[in-house]
Amino acid sequence: MRECGIVRDLLPLYQEGMLSPDSVEFLEEHLKTCPACRARAREMVPMPQYRSSTVSSPRSPAKSRAT
C-alpha cells in the first residue's frame, strides 16, 4: 500500500515530535486501520508521541527551538 511507505518514512519524525499537525493526523489515522504499520510503530519503542491509545501514551509535540 502506498500509504504504508509514507507512514514508514514519517515514523522516525513522529517519534521525535517533528511532524506538522496535519502529518500527525494522517499518520495516526493510518495506524488505526493498518495492523502492519501499527506493528512497525511498536517496534520503534519508545514511541511516547502517540496520542492514540492503540500504541502508547501521549506526549505533547516538541516545541520549535529558538536560534
Protein backbone atom coordinates (compact mmCIF):
# COMPACT_ATOMS: atom_id res chain seq x y z
CA MET A 1 0.00 0.00 0.00
CA ARG A 2 1.35 3.43 -0.96
CA GLU A 3 0.33 4.99 2.36
CA CYS A 4 2.37 2.39 4.25
CA GLY A 5 5.55 3.62 2.59
CA ILE A 6 4.76 7.19 3.55
CA VAL A 7 4.00 6.15 7.13
CA ARG A 8 7.28 4.22 7.39
CA ASP A 9 9.13 7.37 6.30
CA LEU A 10 7.23 9.54 8.79
CA LEU A 11 7.57 7.31 11.86
CA PRO A 12 11.07 8.47 12.91
CA LEU A 13 9.99 12.12 12.62
CA TYR A 14 6.81 11.34 14.54
CA GLN A 15 8.88 9.72 17.26
CA GLU A 16 10.91 12.93 17.58
CA GLY A 17 7.79 15.14 17.59
CA MET A 18 8.84 16.88 14.39
CA LEU A 19 5.72 16.43 12.23
CA SER A 20 3.15 19.07 11.40
CA PRO A 21 -0.29 18.62 12.96
CA ASP A 22 -1.68 17.53 9.56
CA SER A 23 1.03 14.87 9.20
CA VAL A 24 0.40 13.64 12.75
CA GLU A 25 -3.29 13.31 11.97
CA PHE A 26 -2.58 11.42 8.72
CA LEU A 27 -0.17 9.04 10.45
CA GLU A 28 -2.40 8.36 13.46
CA GLU A 29 -5.45 7.73 11.28
CA HIS A 30 -3.44 5.28 9.18
CA LEU A 31 -2.17 3.47 12.28
CA LYS A 32 -5.76 2.97 13.45
CA THR A 33 -6.55 0.97 10.32
CA CYS A 34 -3.25 -0.72 9.40
CA PRO A 35 -2.02 -3.56 11.63
CA ALA A 36 1.30 -3.84 9.75
CA CYS A 37 2.24 -0.19 10.28
CA ARG A 38 0.99 -0.30 13.86
CA ALA A 39 3.30 -3.27 14.50
CA ARG A 40 6.21 -1.41 12.91
CA ALA A 41 5.48 1.60 15.12
CA ARG A 42 5.51 -0.62 18.21
CA GLU A 43 8.92 -1.97 17.17
CA MET A 44 10.26 1.59 17.30
CA VAL A 45 9.88 1.70 21.09
CA PRO A 46 9.74 4.06 22.80
CA MET A 47 7.08 5.92 20.87
CA PRO A 48 5.68 8.31 23.53
CA GLN A 49 4.45 10.73 20.84
CA TYR A 50 1.39 8.61 20.07
CA ARG A 51 -1.89 10.14 21.10
CA SER A 52 -3.73 7.01 20.03
CA SER A 53 -4.35 4.55 22.85
CA THR A 54 -3.77 1.71 20.39
CA VAL A 55 0.00 2.14 20.61
CA SER A 56 1.30 4.12 23.59
CA SER A 57 0.75 7.06 25.92
CA PRO A 58 0.52 10.72 24.90
CA ARG A 59 3.26 13.35 24.77
CA SER A 60 3.00 16.88 23.51
CA PRO A 61 4.87 17.62 20.27
CA ALA A 62 8.36 19.07 20.56
CA LYS A 63 8.44 22.84 20.59
CA SER A 64 10.43 24.65 17.95
CA ARG A 65 13.90 25.69 19.03
CA ALA A 66 14.76 29.37 19.05
CA THR A 67 18.07 30.26 17.41
